[in-house]
Amino acid sequence: MTDETGSDTERHLREALKHLGQAQDDDDLRKTNAVALEEVSNTVSSVLREYEGDE
């Protein structure tokens, strides 16, 4: 993976985390959706940590 591709990937993952966080803050979400969002958020965070560890 090139540095440019890695930068794009990291930027997209961080944007996804931001959007997930905003969705979790929305009081209208049902509990099922909140749990699913939390799991996706945890997965994206894990990928970012692994990515940062590879640099």
Protein backbone atom coordinates (compact mmCIF):
# COMPACT_ATOMS: atom_id res chain seq x y z
CA MET A 1 0.00 0.00 0.00
CA THR A 2 1.37 3.39 -0.95
CA ASP A 3 1.61 6.28 1.50
CA GLU A 4 -1.12 8.11 -0.42
CA THR A 5 -3.45 5.10 -0.26
CA GLY A 6 -2.68 4.70 3.43
CA SER A 7 -3.47 8.36 4.06
CA ASP A 8 -6.78 8.03 2.21
CA THR A 9 -7.66 4.91 4.17
CA GLU A 10 -6.86 6.55 7.48
CA ARG A 11 -8.84 9.67 6.56
CA HIS A 12 -11.88 7.60 5.54
CA LEU A 13 -11.72 5.52 8.72
CA ARG A 14 -11.49 8.64 10.88
CA GLU A 15 -14.45 10.18 9.03
CA ALA A 16 -16.42 6.97 9.59
CA LEU A 17 -15.65 7.12 13.32
CA LYS A 18 -16.77 10.74 13.44
CA HIS A 19 -20.07 9.91 11.72
CA LEU A 20 -20.63 6.90 13.95
CA GLY A 21 -20.04 9.02 17.03
CA GLN A 22 -22.55 11.57 15.81
CA ALA A 23 -25.09 8.84 15.13
CA GLN A 24 -24.60 7.41 18.62
CA ASP A 25 -25.27 10.84 20.11
CA ASP A 26 -28.66 10.91 18.34
CA ASP A 27 -31.28 10.08 20.97
CA ASP A 28 -33.64 8.68 18.32
CA LEU A 29 -31.56 5.57 17.67
CA ARG A 30 -33.05 2.31 18.81
CA LYS A 31 -30.95 0.20 21.15
CA THR A 32 -30.25 -2.39 18.45
CA ASN A 33 -28.84 0.27 16.17
CA ALA A 34 -26.77 1.72 19.00
CA VAL A 35 -25.22 -1.68 19.73
CA ALA A 36 -24.46 -2.25 16.04
CA LEU A 37 -22.90 1.22 15.75
CA GLU A 38 -20.77 0.55 18.81
CA GLU A 39 -19.47 -2.70 17.32
CA VAL A 40 -18.66 -1.03 13.99
CA SER A 41 -16.99 1.83 15.82
CA ASN A 42 -14.87 -0.61 17.84
CA THR A 43 -13.86 -2.44 14.67
CA VAL A 44 -12.87 0.77 12.87
CA SER A 45 -10.91 1.89 15.94
CA SER A 46 -9.08 -1.45 16.02
CA VAL A 47 -8.19 -1.18 12.34
CA LEU A 48 -6.84 2.34 12.90
CA ARG A 49 -4.72 1.19 15.85
CA GLU A 50 -3.29 -1.65 13.77
CA TYR A 51 -2.67 0.72 10.87
CA GLU A 52 -0.87 3.19 13.15
CA GLY A 53 1.21 0.34 14.58
CA ASP A 54 2.32 -0.69 11.07
CA GLU A 55 3.75 2.73 10.24
